[in-house]
């Protein structure tokens, strides 16, 4: 039961954290709640499909299907999160100064709303499908019964959702003029963590070199399965023993997103002068 609870808590907290940040960052956009709910529903539906096709996915690409699937989903999520931050860097000032007016115009345009749905759906799809596969592994290995997995999973899901909501409620207390800076930083770090994990999956199936594996090892100091380690993993993509290529992907993602944000800001400032 405890193993199932920890697995589901970690995965559900990561999804809840990302959803909470997106929801807080777009709180002034009209109708955004419907799109977030639709994204969650789409992600859950996709996770159910993945669960039903677990055996087929695992046998693809010489048994590396699940790793490649995870890497592709993570890669798409990184691109969309980066684009979300770049878009917000161009509209953040307007959102802070004229939240209601800009919220209505964005809602009418629909572009940002569809991206919200896609990002949320991908987050839920990846975390949901990974959770199903982890729990399936527990059952297959005879480490737990269906009852213990179900009860532990329910407990972990509840804990992850509650903690995610608490963080979301805390972000809502941040003044609008500062909210963008906070959520933007978190999204950049989450995207970098996702890029690092995508690299990890590709290294596992020998599609990328590890460069140096591991580059360092902090398992004895701050294990990833501890409360602090798990929280840092969800918040900033913490890995106790990453490969060198994972660090390259992590840093490169941060640099690319920040560069894109700066270019958009500069272009907007030039256009206003």
Protein backbone atom coordinates (compact mmCIF):
# COMPACT_ATOMS: atom_id res chain seq x y z
CA UNK A 1 0.00 0.00 0.00
CA UNK A 2 2.78 2.43 0.92
CA UNK A 3 4.63 1.87 -2.36
CA UNK A 4 1.48 2.53 -4.38
CA UNK A 5 0.70 5.64 -2.32
CA UNK A 6 4.19 7.07 -2.84
CA UNK A 7 4.13 6.37 -6.59
CA UNK A 8 0.70 7.92 -7.13
CA UNK A 9 1.46 10.86 -4.82
CA UNK A 10 4.61 11.73 -6.71
CA UNK A 11 3.03 11.50 -10.16
CA UNK A 12 -0.25 13.21 -9.21
CA UNK A 13 1.60 16.01 -7.39
CA UNK A 14 3.69 16.72 -10.48
CA UNK A 15 0.56 16.95 -12.62
CA UNK A 16 -1.32 19.00 -9.98
CA UNK A 17 1.64 21.36 -9.62
CA UNK A 18 1.84 22.06 -13.33
CA UNK A 19 -1.94 22.49 -13.62
CA UNK A 20 -1.93 24.84 -10.61
CA UNK A 21 0.83 27.00 -12.09
CA UNK A 22 -0.93 27.21 -15.47
CA UNK A 23 -4.24 28.01 -13.75
CA UNK A 24 -2.66 30.74 -11.61
CA UNK A 25 -0.76 32.25 -14.53
CA UNK A 26 -3.93 32.45 -16.65
CA UNK A 27 -6.40 33.33 -13.91
CA UNK A 28 -7.46 36.52 -15.71
CA UNK A 29 -8.34 34.69 -18.94
CA UNK A 30 -12.05 34.17 -19.41
CA UNK A 31 -13.32 30.57 -19.63
CA UNK A 32 -9.88 29.14 -18.82
CA UNK A 33 -11.37 26.79 -16.17
CA UNK A 34 -13.41 24.92 -18.80
CA UNK A 35 -10.33 24.38 -20.92
CA UNK A 36 -8.30 23.17 -17.94
CA UNK A 37 -11.03 20.68 -17.01
CA UNK A 38 -11.24 19.57 -20.65
CA UNK A 39 -7.47 19.09 -20.69
CA UNK A 40 -7.60 16.96 -17.53
CA UNK A 41 -10.39 14.85 -19.02
CA UNK A 42 -8.48 14.41 -22.29
CA UNK A 43 -5.31 13.45 -20.42
CA UNK A 44 -7.14 10.89 -18.30
CA UNK A 45 -8.76 9.41 -21.40
CA UNK A 46 -5.36 9.15 -23.05
CA UNK A 47 -3.86 7.53 -19.96
CA UNK A 48 -6.64 4.92 -20.02
CA UNK A 49 -5.83 4.16 -23.65
CA UNK A 50 -2.14 3.80 -22.79
CA UNK A 51 -3.05 1.48 -19.92
CA UNK A 52 -5.10 -0.68 -22.27
CA UNK A 53 -2.23 -0.82 -24.78
CA UNK A 54 0.55 -1.30 -22.24
CA UNK A 55 1.72 -4.60 -23.67
CA UNK A 56 1.69 -3.33 -27.25
CA UNK A 57 3.61 -0.15 -26.40
CA UNK A 58 6.25 -2.08 -24.47
CA UNK A 59 6.94 -4.40 -27.42
CA UNK A 60 7.44 -1.61 -29.95
CA UNK A 61 10.95 -0.50 -30.92
CA UNK A 62 12.51 -3.69 -29.56
CA UNK A 63 10.96 -3.32 -26.14
CA UNK A 64 11.77 0.39 -25.79
CA UNK A 65 8.30 1.62 -26.70
CA UNK A 66 7.39 3.02 -23.29
CA UNK A 67 10.64 4.97 -22.93
CA UNK A 68 10.30 6.46 -26.42
CA UNK A 69 6.62 7.26 -25.79
CA UNK A 70 7.50 9.06 -22.54
CA UNK A 71 10.34 10.97 -24.19
CA UNK A 72 8.09 12.15 -27.04
CA UNK A 73 5.33 13.28 -24.68
CA UNK A 74 7.85 15.09 -22.49
CA UNK A 75 9.44 16.73 -25.52
CA UNK A 76 6.10 18.07 -26.75
CA UNK A 77 5.28 19.33 -23.25
CA UNK A 78 8.64 21.14 -23.03
CA UNK A 79 8.01 22.91 -26.36
CA UNK A 80 4.50 23.97 -25.32
CA UNK A 81 5.60 25.16 -21.88
CA UNK A 82 8.42 27.14 -23.45
CA UNK A 83 6.03 28.70 -25.93
CA UNK A 84 3.60 29.49 -23.10
CA UNK A 85 6.30 31.45 -21.27
CA UNK A 86 7.41 33.24 -24.43
CA UNK A 87 3.79 34.21 -25.17
CA UNK A 88 3.28 35.41 -21.61
CA UNK A 89 6.46 37.49 -21.74
CA UNK A 90 4.85 39.49 -24.53
CA UNK A 91 1.48 39.86 -22.79
CA UNK A 92 2.43 39.74 -19.11
CA UNK A 93 2.49 43.51 -18.68
CA UNK A 94 -0.93 43.82 -20.27
CA UNK A 95 -2.29 41.05 -18.09
CA UNK A 96 -1.12 42.88 -15.00
CA UNK A 97 -2.34 46.31 -16.09
CA UNK A 98 -5.57 45.39 -17.83
CA UNK A 99 -6.33 41.86 -16.66
CA UNK A 100 -10.04 41.81 -17.47
CA UNK A 101 -9.80 43.43 -20.89
CA UNK A 102 -6.87 41.33 -22.04
CA UNK A 103 -8.47 38.21 -20.54
CA UNK A 104 -11.57 38.75 -22.68
CA UNK A 105 -9.56 39.38 -25.83
CA UNK A 106 -7.40 36.30 -25.30
CA UNK A 107 -10.49 34.25 -24.59
CA UNK A 108 -12.06 35.42 -27.82
CA UNK A 109 -8.91 34.67 -29.78
CA UNK A 110 -8.80 31.12 -28.44
CA UNK A 111 -5.12 30.45 -29.20
CA UNK A 112 -3.90 30.60 -25.62
CA UNK A 113 -6.92 28.60 -24.43
CA UNK A 114 -6.25 25.73 -26.81
CA UNK A 115 -2.62 25.70 -25.67
CA UNK A 116 -3.77 25.53 -22.04
CA UNK A 117 -5.86 22.46 -22.89
CA UNK A 118 -2.96 20.81 -24.70
CA UNK A 119 -0.39 21.43 -21.97
CA UNK A 120 -2.74 20.19 -19.23
CA UNK A 121 -3.75 17.13 -21.28
CA UNK A 122 -0.12 16.19 -21.92
CA UNK A 123 0.77 16.60 -18.24
CA UNK A 124 -2.08 14.36 -17.13
CA UNK A 125 -1.42 11.88 -19.97
CA UNK A 126 2.24 11.43 -19.10
CA UNK A 127 1.84 11.27 -15.34
CA UNK A 128 -1.31 9.13 -15.61
CA UNK A 129 0.15 6.61 -18.04
CA UNK A 130 3.36 6.37 -16.05
CA UNK A 131 1.38 5.81 -12.85
CA UNK A 132 -0.61 3.00 -14.46
CA UNK A 133 2.56 1.31 -15.64
CA UNK A 134 4.25 1.63 -12.25
CA UNK A 135 1.25 0.15 -10.47
CA UNK A 136 1.03 -2.59 -13.08
CA UNK A 137 4.66 -3.39 -12.30
CA UNK A 138 3.86 -3.70 -8.58
CA UNK A 139 1.06 -6.13 -9.32
CA UNK A 140 3.06 -8.11 -11.86
CA UNK A 141 5.95 -8.48 -9.49
CA UNK A 142 3.73 -9.83 -6.75
CA UNK A 143 4.75 -6.97 -4.46
CA UNK A 144 1.18 -5.94 -3.69
CA UNK A 145 -2.44 -7.03 -3.97
CA UNK A 146 -5.11 -5.26 -6.01
CA UNK A 147 -6.74 -4.02 -2.81
CA UNK A 148 -3.54 -2.53 -1.40
CA UNK A 149 -2.66 -0.93 -4.73
CA UNK A 150 -6.15 0.57 -5.09
CA UNK A 151 -6.23 1.92 -1.52
CA UNK A 152 -2.66 3.19 -1.66
CA UNK A 153 -3.27 4.78 -5.05
CA UNK A 154 -6.38 6.56 -3.80
CA UNK A 155 -4.47 7.89 -0.78
CA UNK A 156 -1.56 9.07 -2.93
CA UNK A 157 -3.90 10.75 -5.41
CA UNK A 158 -5.69 12.59 -2.61
CA UNK A 159 -2.42 13.76 -1.04
CA UNK A 160 -1.03 14.93 -4.39
CA UNK A 161 -4.21 16.81 -5.28
CA UNK A 162 -4.44 18.47 -1.85
CA UNK A 163 -0.81 19.60 -1.88
CA UNK A 164 -1.16 20.87 -5.44
CA UNK A 165 -4.27 22.84 -4.48
CA UNK A 166 -2.52 24.35 -1.45
CA UNK A 167 0.31 25.60 -3.66
CA UNK A 168 -2.22 26.94 -6.19
CA UNK A 169 -4.13 28.77 -3.43
CA UNK A 170 -0.85 30.25 -2.25
CA UNK A 171 -0.07 31.53 -5.73
CA UNK A 172 -3.45 33.21 -5.93
CA UNK A 173 -2.39 35.42 -3.01
CA UNK A 174 0.51 36.78 -5.03
CA UNK A 175 -0.23 40.24 -6.54
CA UNK A 176 -0.92 40.06 -10.25
CA UNK A 177 2.12 42.20 -11.09
CA UNK A 178 4.41 39.65 -9.41
CA UNK A 179 2.53 36.50 -10.34
CA UNK A 180 3.98 36.32 -13.83
CA UNK A 181 7.57 36.39 -12.54
CA UNK A 182 6.87 33.59 -10.03
CA UNK A 183 4.94 31.31 -12.38
CA UNK A 184 7.30 32.02 -15.27
CA UNK A 185 10.30 30.91 -13.21
CA UNK A 186 8.53 27.74 -12.07
CA UNK A 187 7.44 26.86 -15.61
CA UNK A 188 11.00 27.30 -16.93
CA UNK A 189 12.35 24.96 -14.23
CA UNK A 190 9.57 22.40 -14.76
CA UNK A 191 10.21 22.43 -18.52
CA UNK A 192 13.94 21.95 -17.89
CA UNK A 193 13.19 19.02 -15.58
CA UNK A 194 10.97 17.46 -18.23
CA UNK A 195 13.71 17.86 -20.84
CA UNK A 196 16.16 16.16 -18.47
CA UNK A 197 13.78 13.24 -17.96
CA UNK A 198 13.22 12.94 -21.72
CA UNK A 199 16.99 12.67 -22.14
CA UNK A 200 17.06 10.03 -19.39
CA UNK A 201 14.51 7.88 -21.23
CA UNK A 202 16.47 8.16 -24.49
CA UNK A 203 19.72 7.29 -22.70
CA UNK A 204 18.06 4.19 -21.25
CA UNK A 205 17.32 2.88 -24.74
CA UNK A 206 20.75 3.91 -26.13
CA UNK A 207 19.37 6.63 -28.40
CA UNK A 208 21.50 9.25 -26.64
CA UNK A 209 24.94 8.99 -25.02
CA UNK A 210 25.05 9.50 -21.28
CA UNK A 211 28.35 11.45 -21.54
CA UNK A 212 29.13 10.81 -17.87
CA UNK A 213 26.85 8.54 -15.82
CA UNK A 214 26.30 9.68 -13.19
CA UNK A 215 27.74 13.18 -13.30
CA UNK A 216 27.29 13.36 -9.51
CA UNK A 217 25.50 11.32 -6.85
CA UNK A 218 23.51 12.98 -4.05
CA UNK A 219 21.45 9.90 -3.12
CA UNK A 220 23.08 9.67 0.29
CA UNK A 221 22.50 13.38 0.99
CA UNK A 222 19.09 13.99 -0.54
CA UNK A 223 17.41 10.84 -1.90
CA UNK A 224 14.74 11.43 -4.56
CA UNK A 225 12.19 9.28 -2.72
CA UNK A 226 12.30 11.53 0.36
CA UNK A 227 9.68 14.25 0.91
CA UNK A 228 12.12 17.07 0.17
CA UNK A 229 13.71 15.23 -2.73
CA UNK A 230 10.35 14.36 -4.26
CA UNK A 231 9.12 17.94 -3.91
CA UNK A 232 12.28 19.33 -5.51
CA UNK A 233 11.91 16.75 -8.29
CA UNK A 234 8.43 18.07 -9.04
CA UNK A 235 9.37 21.74 -8.67
CA UNK A 236 12.76 21.97 -10.37
CA UNK A 237 13.39 18.53 -11.89
CA UNK A 238 15.86 17.47 -9.19
CA UNK A 239 17.76 14.26 -9.97
CA UNK A 240 20.12 12.86 -7.34
CA UNK A 241 22.37 11.13 -9.89
CA UNK A 242 21.87 12.57 -13.40
CA UNK A 243 23.81 11.67 -16.50
CA UNK A 244 25.87 14.39 -18.13
CA UNK A 245 23.48 14.53 -21.09
CA UNK A 246 20.55 15.19 -18.74
CA UNK A 247 22.34 18.23 -17.35
CA UNK A 248 23.04 19.42 -20.90
CA UNK A 249 19.32 19.15 -21.76
CA UNK A 250 18.35 20.86 -18.49
CA UNK A 251 20.64 23.86 -18.99
CA UNK A 252 19.95 24.13 -22.72
CA UNK A 253 16.19 24.25 -22.11
CA UNK A 254 16.55 27.07 -19.59
CA UNK A 255 18.83 29.04 -21.92
CA UNK A 256 16.56 28.58 -24.96
CA UNK A 257 13.36 29.59 -23.15
CA UNK A 258 14.94 32.61 -21.45
CA UNK A 259 16.49 33.70 -24.75
CA UNK A 260 13.11 33.41 -26.50
CA UNK A 261 11.43 35.41 -23.74
CA UNK A 262 14.07 38.14 -23.96
CA UNK A 263 13.79 38.35 -27.74
CA UNK A 264 10.03 38.74 -27.55
CA UNK A 265 10.29 41.43 -24.88
CA UNK A 266 12.88 43.33 -26.94
CA UNK A 267 10.75 43.12 -30.07
CA UNK A 268 7.70 44.36 -28.16
CA UNK A 269 9.62 47.26 -26.64
CA UNK A 270 10.98 48.24 -30.08
CA UNK A 271 7.48 48.16 -31.54
CA UNK A 272 6.18 50.46 -28.79
CA UNK A 273 8.88 53.10 -29.42
